[in-house]
N, C-alpha and C. Protein backbone atom coordinates (compact mmCIF):
# COMPACT_ATOMS: atom_id res chain seq x y z
N MET A 1 1.35 -1.56 0.06
CA MET A 1 -0.23 0.06 0.02
C MET A 1 1.28 1.34 0.04
N ALA A 2 1.04 1.94 -1.09
CA ALA A 2 1.17 3.32 -1.14
C ALA A 2 0.47 4.45 -1.01
N ARG A 3 1.15 5.74 -0.84
CA ARG A 3 0.00 7.15 -0.82
C ARG A 3 0.73 8.05 -1.31
N ALA A 4 -0.27 8.75 -2.40
CA ALA A 4 0.36 9.80 -3.18
C ALA A 4 -0.29 10.94 -2.86
N LEU A 5 0.57 12.51 -2.80
CA LEU A 5 -0.13 13.43 -2.87
C LEU A 5 -0.44 14.17 -4.46
N ILE A 6 -1.49 14.56 -4.47
CA ILE A 6 -2.22 15.00 -5.26
C ILE A 6 -2.13 16.64 -5.23
N ILE A 7 -1.23 17.51 -6.03
CA ILE A 7 -1.78 18.81 -5.94
C ILE A 7 -2.18 19.27 -6.95
N VAL A 8 -3.55 19.60 -6.97
CA VAL A 8 -4.71 19.97 -7.52
C VAL A 8 -4.22 21.61 -8.51
N ASP A 9 -3.85 21.73 -9.51
CA ASP A 9 -3.72 22.78 -10.03
C ASP A 9 -3.58 24.53 -9.25
N VAL A 10 -2.46 24.29 -8.62
CA VAL A 10 -2.17 25.50 -7.65
C VAL A 10 -1.31 26.35 -8.66
N GLN A 11 -1.81 26.74 -9.87
CA GLN A 11 -1.15 27.47 -10.93
C GLN A 11 -1.52 29.28 -10.32
N LYS A 12 -0.32 29.97 -10.98
CA LYS A 12 -0.87 31.31 -10.93
C LYS A 12 -2.01 32.06 -11.34
N ASP A 13 -2.68 31.96 -12.56
CA ASP A 13 -4.00 32.23 -12.73
C ASP A 13 -4.88 31.95 -12.30
N PHE A 14 -4.94 31.09 -10.91
CA PHE A 14 -5.85 30.56 -10.00
C PHE A 14 -5.48 31.24 -8.45
N CYS A 15 -4.44 32.53 -8.65
CA CYS A 15 -4.14 32.69 -7.54
C CYS A 15 -4.84 34.13 -7.67
N PRO A 16 -4.22 35.22 -6.64
CA PRO A 16 -4.34 36.55 -6.79
C PRO A 16 -3.77 37.09 -7.97
N GLY A 17 -4.12 37.84 -8.93
CA GLY A 17 -3.32 38.85 -9.92
C GLY A 17 -3.61 37.80 -10.88
N GLY A 18 -3.93 36.66 -10.79
CA GLY A 18 -4.50 35.86 -12.19
C GLY A 18 -5.12 36.00 -12.96
N SER A 19 -5.06 35.86 -13.87
CA SER A 19 -6.38 35.66 -14.99
C SER A 19 -7.95 35.17 -14.10
N LEU A 20 -8.34 34.10 -13.41
CA LEU A 20 -9.12 33.18 -12.89
C LEU A 20 -8.75 32.93 -11.32
N ALA A 21 -8.87 34.35 -10.80
CA ALA A 21 -8.44 34.24 -9.35
C ALA A 21 -8.99 33.36 -8.01
N THR A 22 -8.68 32.80 -7.35
CA THR A 22 -9.63 32.48 -6.15
C THR A 22 -9.10 33.48 -4.89
N GLU A 23 -9.79 33.49 -4.39
CA GLU A 23 -9.27 34.92 -3.01
C GLU A 23 -8.05 33.92 -2.21
N ARG A 24 -8.17 32.54 -1.82
CA ARG A 24 -7.40 32.05 -0.98
C ARG A 24 -6.63 31.59 -1.59
N GLY A 25 -6.24 31.66 -3.02
CA GLY A 25 -4.77 31.12 -3.95
C GLY A 25 -3.63 30.99 -3.55
N ASN A 26 -3.27 31.99 -3.17
CA ASN A 26 -1.77 32.14 -2.21
C ASN A 26 -1.73 31.94 -0.97
N GLU A 27 -2.78 32.00 -0.18
CA GLU A 27 -3.22 31.67 0.90
C GLU A 27 -3.10 29.61 0.77
N VAL A 28 -3.74 29.28 0.29
CA VAL A 28 -3.83 27.41 0.28
C VAL A 28 -2.24 27.42 -0.35
N ALA A 29 -1.40 28.09 -1.52
CA ALA A 29 -0.56 27.47 -2.38
C ALA A 29 0.79 27.84 -0.70
N GLY A 30 0.97 28.40 0.11
CA GLY A 30 1.58 28.68 0.53
C GLY A 30 1.73 27.28 1.99
N LYS A 31 0.52 27.41 2.56
CA LYS A 31 0.44 26.19 3.32
C LYS A 31 0.65 25.00 2.54
N ILE A 32 0.44 24.56 1.36
CA ILE A 32 0.93 23.48 0.38
C ILE A 32 2.63 23.40 0.26
N GLY A 33 3.03 24.14 0.04
CA GLY A 33 4.36 24.38 0.24
C GLY A 33 5.27 24.11 1.77
N ALA A 34 4.58 24.72 2.07
CA ALA A 34 5.28 24.30 4.24
C ALA A 34 5.05 22.99 4.15
N PHE A 35 3.45 22.47 3.76
CA PHE A 35 3.19 20.84 3.87
C PHE A 35 4.54 20.22 3.44
N GLN A 36 4.44 20.46 2.02
CA GLN A 36 5.22 19.58 1.49
C GLN A 36 6.85 19.71 2.04
N GLN A 37 7.46 20.70 2.71
CA GLN A 37 8.09 20.79 3.44
C GLN A 37 8.28 20.09 4.22
N SER A 38 7.71 19.67 5.40
CA SER A 38 7.05 19.26 6.70
C SER A 38 6.68 17.63 6.26
N HIS A 39 5.76 17.35 5.16
CA HIS A 39 5.81 16.19 4.81
C HIS A 39 5.97 15.19 3.71
N ALA A 40 6.77 15.65 2.90
CA ALA A 40 7.33 15.18 1.30
C ALA A 40 7.67 13.84 1.71
N ARG A 41 8.42 13.03 2.67
CA ARG A 41 7.76 11.77 2.95
C ARG A 41 7.32 10.82 3.42
N ASP A 42 6.48 11.46 3.75
CA ASP A 42 5.27 10.38 3.71
C ASP A 42 4.36 9.98 2.81
N TYR A 43 4.78 10.87 1.58
CA TYR A 43 4.52 9.89 0.40
C TYR A 43 5.13 9.50 -0.26
N ASP A 44 4.72 7.97 -0.84
CA ASP A 44 5.37 7.43 -1.70
C ASP A 44 5.40 7.96 -3.07
N ALA A 45 4.54 8.65 -3.56
CA ALA A 45 4.47 9.42 -5.08
C ALA A 45 3.85 11.09 -4.38
N VAL A 46 4.40 12.44 -5.18
CA VAL A 46 3.82 13.78 -4.81
C VAL A 46 3.75 13.96 -6.76
N VAL A 47 2.48 14.43 -7.28
CA VAL A 47 1.79 14.29 -8.13
C VAL A 47 1.25 15.97 -8.26
N ALA A 48 1.72 16.35 -9.40
CA ALA A 48 0.75 17.93 -9.92
C ALA A 48 -0.19 17.70 -10.97
N THR A 49 -0.92 18.15 -10.63
CA THR A 49 -1.79 18.38 -12.31
C THR A 49 -1.87 19.89 -12.67
N GLN A 50 -2.01 20.08 -13.90
CA GLN A 50 -1.95 21.89 -14.26
C GLN A 50 -2.98 21.96 -15.44
N ASP A 51 -3.76 22.80 -15.56
CA ASP A 51 -4.50 23.05 -16.68
C ASP A 51 -3.65 23.65 -18.07
N TRP A 52 -3.37 23.28 -18.87
CA TRP A 52 -1.96 23.33 -20.10
C TRP A 52 -3.13 23.63 -21.61
N HIS A 53 -4.06 24.66 -21.17
CA HIS A 53 -4.67 24.80 -22.31
C HIS A 53 -3.98 25.74 -23.98
N ILE A 54 -4.09 24.68 -25.01
CA ILE A 54 -3.57 25.25 -26.17
C ILE A 54 -4.75 25.72 -26.74
N ASP A 55 -5.63 24.80 -27.29
CA ASP A 55 -6.71 25.57 -28.08
C ASP A 55 -8.05 24.93 -27.42
N PRO A 56 -8.50 25.00 -26.60
CA PRO A 56 -9.44 24.69 -25.49
C PRO A 56 -11.07 24.90 -26.19
N GLY A 57 -11.23 25.61 -27.38
CA GLY A 57 -12.37 25.75 -28.07
C GLY A 57 -13.33 26.49 -26.91
N GLU A 58 -14.67 26.46 -27.12
CA GLU A 58 -15.61 27.10 -26.33
C GLU A 58 -15.39 27.19 -24.48
N HIS A 59 -14.36 26.66 -24.07
CA HIS A 59 -14.08 26.76 -22.90
C HIS A 59 -13.46 28.25 -22.76
N PHE A 60 -12.87 28.65 -23.64
CA PHE A 60 -12.60 30.27 -23.14
C PHE A 60 -13.36 31.45 -23.91
N SER A 61 -13.72 32.25 -23.39
CA SER A 61 -14.97 33.26 -23.61
C SER A 61 -15.14 34.76 -23.94
N ASP A 62 -15.16 35.29 -24.63
CA ASP A 62 -14.67 36.88 -23.57
C ASP A 62 -16.46 37.42 -23.17
N THR A 63 -17.36 36.31 -23.26
CA THR A 63 -18.36 36.57 -22.71
C THR A 63 -18.71 35.12 -21.96
N PRO A 64 -17.76 34.78 -20.58
CA PRO A 64 -18.01 33.52 -20.37
C PRO A 64 -19.52 33.88 -19.07
N ASP A 65 -19.80 32.43 -18.99
CA ASP A 65 -21.03 31.70 -18.18
C ASP A 65 -20.35 31.73 -16.58
N TYR A 66 -19.19 31.18 -16.30
CA TYR A 66 -18.41 30.80 -15.65
C TYR A 66 -19.01 29.85 -14.73
N LYS A 67 -19.79 28.70 -15.82
CA LYS A 67 -19.50 27.07 -15.92
C LYS A 67 -19.15 26.46 -16.45
N ASP A 68 -19.40 26.94 -17.71
CA ASP A 68 -19.17 26.02 -19.02
C ASP A 68 -18.05 27.18 -19.61
N SER A 69 -18.13 28.11 -19.28
CA SER A 69 -16.64 28.77 -20.55
C SER A 69 -16.50 29.76 -19.38
N TRP A 70 -15.21 30.28 -19.28
CA TRP A 70 -14.38 31.21 -18.92
C TRP A 70 -13.45 31.98 -19.30
N PRO A 71 -13.24 32.60 -18.85
CA PRO A 71 -11.95 33.73 -19.28
C PRO A 71 -10.83 33.02 -20.20
N VAL A 72 -10.05 33.72 -20.52
CA VAL A 72 -8.45 32.92 -20.98
C VAL A 72 -8.30 32.70 -19.33
N HIS A 73 -6.84 31.47 -19.40
CA HIS A 73 -6.93 31.02 -18.46
C HIS A 73 -5.67 29.83 -18.46
N CYS A 74 -4.31 29.79 -17.48
CA CYS A 74 -3.70 28.47 -18.11
C CYS A 74 -3.53 28.28 -19.34
N ALA A 75 -3.24 29.04 -19.86
CA ALA A 75 -2.70 29.19 -21.48
C ALA A 75 -0.95 28.33 -21.54
N ALA A 76 -1.25 27.26 -22.27
CA ALA A 76 -0.34 26.32 -22.42
C ALA A 76 1.53 27.48 -22.78
N ASN A 77 2.29 27.16 -21.72
CA ASN A 77 3.92 27.62 -21.88
C ASN A 77 3.75 29.11 -21.86
N THR A 78 2.86 29.87 -20.80
CA THR A 78 2.55 30.99 -20.39
C THR A 78 2.86 30.99 -18.76
N GLU A 79 3.26 32.33 -18.27
CA GLU A 79 3.62 32.70 -16.76
C GLU A 79 2.31 32.00 -16.05
N GLY A 80 1.32 32.29 -16.24
CA GLY A 80 -0.26 31.92 -15.93
C GLY A 80 -0.51 30.54 -15.59
N ALA A 81 0.02 29.85 -16.19
CA ALA A 81 0.14 28.40 -16.36
C ALA A 81 1.08 27.47 -15.58
N ALA A 82 2.25 28.65 -14.92
CA ALA A 82 2.92 27.91 -14.21
C ALA A 82 2.63 27.73 -12.83
N MET A 83 3.75 27.12 -12.43
CA MET A 83 3.00 26.74 -10.72
C MET A 83 3.46 28.00 -10.04
N ASN A 84 2.24 28.15 -9.01
CA ASN A 84 2.90 28.92 -7.16
C ASN A 84 4.16 28.69 -7.13
N GLU A 85 4.57 30.16 -7.02
CA GLU A 85 5.86 29.90 -6.56
C GLU A 85 6.29 29.37 -4.90
N HIS A 86 5.15 29.25 -4.72
CA HIS A 86 5.18 28.45 -3.08
C HIS A 86 5.06 26.92 -3.42
N ILE A 87 4.58 26.69 -4.29
CA ILE A 87 4.50 25.42 -4.50
C ILE A 87 6.14 25.11 -4.85
N ASN A 88 7.00 23.61 -4.28
CA ASN A 88 8.34 22.88 -4.12
C ASN A 88 8.21 21.84 -5.38
N THR A 89 8.68 22.68 -6.53
CA THR A 89 8.59 21.68 -7.86
C THR A 89 9.41 20.80 -7.61
N ASP A 90 10.98 20.73 -7.00
CA ASP A 90 11.86 19.77 -6.67
C ASP A 90 10.97 18.34 -5.83
N THR A 91 10.05 18.75 -5.42
CA THR A 91 9.20 17.20 -4.97
C THR A 91 8.42 16.81 -5.10
N ILE A 92 7.93 17.31 -6.77
CA ILE A 92 7.07 16.98 -7.45
C ILE A 92 7.72 15.81 -8.08
N ASP A 93 7.19 14.68 -8.21
CA ASP A 93 8.00 13.34 -8.93
C ASP A 93 6.60 13.23 -10.85
N GLU A 94 5.97 13.97 -10.63
CA GLU A 94 5.63 13.66 -12.46
C GLU A 94 4.19 15.25 -12.21
N PHE A 95 4.37 15.64 -13.57
CA PHE A 95 3.30 16.46 -13.79
C PHE A 95 2.58 16.12 -14.66
N PHE A 96 0.97 16.18 -14.65
CA PHE A 96 -0.14 15.69 -15.22
C PHE A 96 -0.74 16.67 -16.11
N ARG A 97 -0.80 17.16 -16.81
CA ARG A 97 -1.25 18.19 -17.89
C ARG A 97 -2.50 17.72 -18.58
N LYS A 98 -3.72 19.15 -18.23
CA LYS A 98 -5.06 18.72 -19.08
C LYS A 98 -5.52 19.65 -19.46
N GLY A 99 -6.72 19.62 -20.65
CA GLY A 99 -7.30 20.05 -21.27
C GLY A 99 -6.35 20.89 -22.43
N HIS A 100 -5.66 20.09 -23.11
CA HIS A 100 -5.24 20.98 -24.15
C HIS A 100 -6.17 21.38 -25.41
N TYR A 101 -6.95 20.62 -25.74
CA TYR A 101 -8.20 21.22 -26.95
C TYR A 101 -9.54 21.02 -26.14
N THR A 102 -9.57 20.52 -24.99
CA THR A 102 -11.48 20.94 -24.21
C THR A 102 -11.26 21.47 -23.46
N ALA A 103 -12.76 21.27 -22.79
CA ALA A 103 -12.01 21.54 -21.27
C ALA A 103 -12.07 20.44 -20.63
N ALA A 104 -10.97 20.10 -19.67
CA ALA A 104 -10.58 19.52 -18.22
C ALA A 104 -10.86 19.23 -17.05
N TYR A 105 -11.76 18.81 -16.14
CA TYR A 105 -11.76 19.57 -14.85
C TYR A 105 -10.35 18.54 -14.03
N SER A 106 -10.93 17.19 -14.29
CA SER A 106 -9.98 16.10 -13.33
C SER A 106 -8.78 16.17 -13.88
N GLY A 107 -8.24 15.80 -12.75
CA GLY A 107 -6.80 15.52 -12.87
C GLY A 107 -6.18 14.39 -13.49
N PHE A 108 -7.65 13.25 -13.44
CA PHE A 108 -7.06 11.92 -14.10
C PHE A 108 -7.40 11.97 -15.69
N GLU A 109 -7.58 13.12 -16.00
CA GLU A 109 -7.84 13.65 -17.52
C GLU A 109 -6.30 13.93 -18.30
N GLY A 110 -5.63 13.93 -17.19
CA GLY A 110 -3.97 14.76 -16.91
C GLY A 110 -3.63 13.51 -18.16
N THR A 111 -2.34 14.48 -18.85
CA THR A 111 -1.05 13.08 -19.20
C THR A 111 0.45 13.74 -18.37
N ALA A 112 0.79 12.46 -17.82
CA ALA A 112 2.35 13.09 -17.50
C ALA A 112 2.97 13.80 -18.67
N THR A 113 3.95 14.67 -18.24
CA THR A 113 4.88 15.26 -18.86
C THR A 113 5.59 14.00 -19.45
N SER A 114 6.61 13.12 -19.00
CA SER A 114 7.52 12.55 -18.89
C SER A 114 6.88 11.12 -20.20
N GLU A 115 5.91 10.88 -20.14
CA GLU A 115 5.64 9.66 -20.50
C GLU A 115 3.85 9.83 -20.91
N ASP A 116 3.58 9.12 -22.01
CA ASP A 116 2.29 9.35 -22.53
C ASP A 116 1.05 8.20 -21.47
N LEU A 117 1.18 8.84 -20.12
CA LEU A 117 0.36 8.02 -19.38
C LEU A 117 -0.73 8.80 -18.31
N LEU A 118 -1.90 8.47 -18.40
CA LEU A 118 -2.76 8.97 -17.47
C LEU A 118 -2.52 8.99 -15.57
N LEU A 119 -3.08 9.52 -15.24
CA LEU A 119 -2.35 9.71 -13.56
C LEU A 119 -3.30 8.70 -12.85
N ALA A 120 -4.36 7.69 -13.18
CA ALA A 120 -4.47 6.67 -12.46
C ALA A 120 -3.47 5.53 -13.04
N PRO A 121 -3.75 4.76 -13.87
CA PRO A 121 -2.34 3.72 -14.53
C PRO A 121 -0.89 4.44 -14.11
N TRP A 122 -0.43 5.61 -13.97
CA TRP A 122 1.09 5.99 -13.31
C TRP A 122 0.72 5.53 -12.18
N LEU A 123 -0.53 5.75 -11.22
CA LEU A 123 -0.37 5.85 -9.46
C LEU A 123 -0.27 4.39 -9.40
N LYS A 124 -1.63 3.57 -10.20
CA LYS A 124 -1.95 1.71 -9.91
C LYS A 124 -0.04 1.48 -10.51
N GLY A 125 0.45 1.98 -10.99
CA GLY A 125 1.63 1.31 -11.53
C GLY A 125 2.79 1.25 -10.12
N ARG A 126 2.47 2.16 -9.68
CA ARG A 126 3.59 2.64 -8.30
C ARG A 126 2.60 2.07 -7.21
N ASP A 127 2.40 1.09 -7.35
CA ASP A 127 0.93 0.42 -6.13
C ASP A 127 0.47 1.13 -5.49
N VAL A 128 -0.09 2.66 -5.99
CA VAL A 128 -0.91 3.79 -4.70
C VAL A 128 -1.85 3.31 -4.69
N THR A 129 -2.80 2.82 -3.34
CA THR A 129 -3.80 3.08 -3.05
C THR A 129 -4.28 4.13 -2.31
N GLU A 130 -3.82 5.04 -1.66
CA GLU A 130 -4.56 5.98 -1.22
C GLU A 130 -4.19 7.06 -1.61
N VAL A 131 -4.46 8.44 -1.57
CA VAL A 131 -4.10 9.51 -2.18
C VAL A 131 -4.44 10.78 -1.21
N ASP A 132 -4.18 12.18 -0.75
CA ASP A 132 -4.73 12.89 -0.23
C ASP A 132 -4.72 14.18 -1.73
N ILE A 133 -5.70 14.77 -1.61
CA ILE A 133 -6.07 15.60 -2.32
C ILE A 133 -5.63 17.08 -1.67
N VAL A 134 -5.19 18.27 -2.40
CA VAL A 134 -5.12 19.99 -2.18
C VAL A 134 -5.17 20.27 -3.62
N GLY A 135 -5.42 21.39 -3.08
CA GLY A 135 -5.58 22.46 -4.81
C GLY A 135 -6.33 23.40 -4.89
N ILE A 136 -6.53 23.66 -5.87
CA ILE A 136 -7.21 25.08 -6.32
C ILE A 136 -8.45 24.31 -7.71
N ALA A 137 -9.71 24.64 -7.61
CA ALA A 137 -10.43 25.14 -6.91
C ALA A 137 -11.55 24.05 -6.28
N THR A 138 -11.65 24.63 -5.37
CA THR A 138 -12.10 23.10 -4.49
C THR A 138 -13.37 22.90 -5.28
N ASP A 139 -14.57 23.73 -5.85
CA ASP A 139 -15.79 23.24 -6.27
C ASP A 139 -15.49 23.15 -7.78
N HIS A 140 -14.53 22.51 -8.50
CA HIS A 140 -14.14 22.47 -9.83
C HIS A 140 -13.13 21.45 -9.85
N CYS A 141 -11.96 21.93 -10.07
CA CYS A 141 -10.85 20.26 -10.19
C CYS A 141 -10.72 20.01 -9.25
N VAL A 142 -10.66 20.27 -7.91
CA VAL A 142 -10.12 19.71 -6.88
C VAL A 142 -11.32 18.61 -6.75
N ARG A 143 -12.74 18.93 -7.09
CA ARG A 143 -14.09 17.87 -6.85
C ARG A 143 -13.88 17.17 -7.97
N ALA A 144 -13.70 17.18 -9.22
CA ALA A 144 -13.57 16.17 -10.56
C ALA A 144 -12.48 15.73 -9.63
N THR A 145 -11.18 16.17 -9.39
CA THR A 145 -10.11 14.85 -9.15
C THR A 145 -10.60 13.94 -7.83
N THR A 146 -10.97 14.33 -7.30
CA THR A 146 -11.75 13.93 -6.06
C THR A 146 -12.79 12.46 -6.24
N LEU A 147 -13.76 12.98 -7.09
CA LEU A 147 -14.70 11.76 -7.70
C LEU A 147 -14.16 10.70 -8.61
N ASP A 148 -13.08 11.43 -9.30
CA ASP A 148 -12.49 10.42 -10.20
C ASP A 148 -11.50 9.49 -9.68
N ALA A 149 -10.84 10.01 -8.48
CA ALA A 149 -10.14 8.84 -7.42
C ALA A 149 -10.88 7.98 -7.29
N LEU A 150 -12.17 8.35 -6.51
CA LEU A 150 -12.83 7.60 -5.89
C LEU A 150 -13.05 6.04 -6.73
N LYS A 151 -13.61 6.88 -8.23
CA LYS A 151 -14.30 6.01 -9.31
C LYS A 151 -13.35 4.81 -9.90
N GLU A 152 -11.68 5.36 -9.53
CA GLU A 152 -10.60 4.44 -9.65
C GLU A 152 -10.61 3.62 -9.08
N GLY A 153 -10.81 3.55 -7.75
CA GLY A 153 -10.93 2.84 -6.46
C GLY A 153 -9.47 3.42 -5.43
N PHE A 154 -9.59 3.92 -5.55
CA PHE A 154 -8.53 5.36 -4.49
C PHE A 154 -9.55 5.45 -3.22
N THR A 155 -8.40 5.27 -1.70
CA THR A 155 -8.53 5.42 -0.65
C THR A 155 -8.62 6.86 -0.94
N VAL A 156 -9.72 8.11 -0.71
CA VAL A 156 -9.35 9.55 -1.04
C VAL A 156 -9.67 10.45 0.25
N ARG A 157 -8.63 11.28 0.52
CA ARG A 157 -8.71 12.13 1.64
C ARG A 157 -8.39 13.61 0.88
N VAL A 158 -9.73 14.62 1.70
CA VAL A 158 -9.43 15.82 0.74
C VAL A 158 -8.68 16.97 2.69
N LEU A 159 -7.57 17.31 2.53
CA LEU A 159 -6.80 17.84 2.84
C LEU A 159 -7.62 19.64 2.87
N THR A 160 -9.01 19.75 3.25
CA THR A 160 -9.77 20.76 3.07
C THR A 160 -9.50 22.27 3.59
N SER A 161 -8.35 22.34 4.36
CA SER A 161 -7.35 23.95 4.58
C SER A 161 -6.20 24.13 3.87
N MET A 162 -6.30 22.93 2.84
CA MET A 162 -5.65 23.59 1.62
C MET A 162 -6.04 22.78 0.26
N CYS A 163 -7.59 23.60 0.45
CA CYS A 163 -8.27 23.60 -0.79
C CYS A 163 -8.47 25.13 -1.02
N SER A 164 -8.78 25.82 -2.26
CA SER A 164 -9.38 27.12 -2.31
C SER A 164 -10.29 26.85 -3.52
N ALA A 165 -11.35 27.66 -3.07
CA ALA A 165 -12.91 27.69 -3.93
C ALA A 165 -13.06 28.65 -4.60
N VAL A 166 -13.71 28.82 -5.87
CA VAL A 166 -13.82 30.10 -6.68
C VAL A 166 -15.09 30.47 -5.51
N SER A 167 -16.28 29.99 -5.05
CA SER A 167 -16.99 30.52 -4.52
C SER A 167 -17.18 29.94 -3.00
N PHE A 168 -17.07 30.46 -1.73
CA PHE A 168 -17.14 29.71 -0.16
C PHE A 168 -18.59 28.55 -0.56
N GLU A 169 -19.70 28.64 -1.46
CA GLU A 169 -20.83 28.92 -1.04
C GLU A 169 -20.88 26.89 -1.94
N ALA A 170 -20.33 27.36 -3.07
CA ALA A 170 -19.81 26.30 -3.90
C ALA A 170 -19.17 25.28 -3.17
N GLY A 171 -17.61 25.81 -2.64
CA GLY A 171 -16.63 24.99 -2.21
C GLY A 171 -17.45 24.12 -0.91
N ASP A 172 -18.70 24.55 -0.29
CA ASP A 172 -18.64 23.41 0.77
C ASP A 172 -19.86 22.40 0.37
N ARG A 173 -20.43 23.12 -0.84
CA ARG A 173 -21.22 22.26 -1.62
C ARG A 173 -20.66 20.76 -2.02
N ALA A 174 -19.37 21.19 -2.79
CA ALA A 174 -18.60 19.93 -3.30
C ALA A 174 -17.68 19.54 -1.92
N LEU A 175 -17.63 19.85 -1.25
CA LEU A 175 -17.13 19.34 0.15
C LEU A 175 -17.90 18.27 0.40
N GLU A 176 -19.25 18.56 0.29
CA GLU A 176 -20.19 18.04 1.21
C GLU A 176 -20.48 16.26 -0.21
N GLU A 177 -20.44 17.17 -0.90
CA GLU A 177 -20.69 16.03 -2.53
C GLU A 177 -19.12 15.30 -2.16
N MET A 178 -18.00 15.64 -2.19
CA MET A 178 -17.12 14.22 -2.17
C MET A 178 -16.98 13.57 -0.80
N HIS A 179 -17.70 14.61 -0.13
CA HIS A 179 -17.81 13.03 1.51
C HIS A 179 -18.86 12.48 1.31
N GLU A 180 -20.26 13.00 0.81
CA GLU A 180 -21.02 11.54 0.50
C GLU A 180 -20.62 10.37 -0.36
N ALA A 181 -19.88 10.88 -1.46
CA ALA A 181 -19.00 10.16 -2.32
C ALA A 181 -18.19 8.85 -1.66
N GLY A 182 -17.50 9.29 -0.81
CA GLY A 182 -16.67 8.63 0.03
C GLY A 182 -15.43 9.18 0.46
N ALA A 183 -15.14 10.07 -0.27
CA ALA A 183 -13.76 10.87 0.49
C ALA A 183 -13.53 11.34 1.69
N ILE A 184 -12.15 11.30 2.86
CA ILE A 184 -12.46 11.63 4.10
C ILE A 184 -12.26 13.06 3.93
N LEU A 185 -12.99 13.53 4.55
CA LEU A 185 -12.52 15.21 4.64
C LEU A 185 -11.50 15.35 6.30
N VAL A 186 -10.26 15.94 5.68
CA VAL A 186 -9.47 16.19 6.74
C VAL A 186 -9.23 17.90 6.98
């Protein structure tokens, strides 16, 4: 039994100053960075997911509805797509990039940057059975990643103090949904 830490989309565009910032993005990034320093050895693998949009079609809009369409964010190879500076990228074993040509919310839709492998087979190939999930945004990508991790058969803990929502109310609803689906909220 191995455990992995999944850091979801802690990118500059999702933090204050970014094009699609969450209010607590920098605070959460700082907490995750400190957690990495003190707990990296507690994990058999540490991975990070990234929105990495090349041409996601209708996912980008000049008149976004903030449900299916959004302002331009995390365009591939831009400063906004980079990980927040608080994240210690040296402790990350693999990055999984998602949403190249379409909307993608779950980290389980992401492909490893070093090989053409999705997140679930990558984790299972390392005998990971338990995952801890942190990141941005609680009500979108953290939610989708958590629900997919449960569907893939992983035991899932969401470390709630290290998650940032777009909307506090939607974030609370998402946490409730994740808990009802079987995630352990810590």
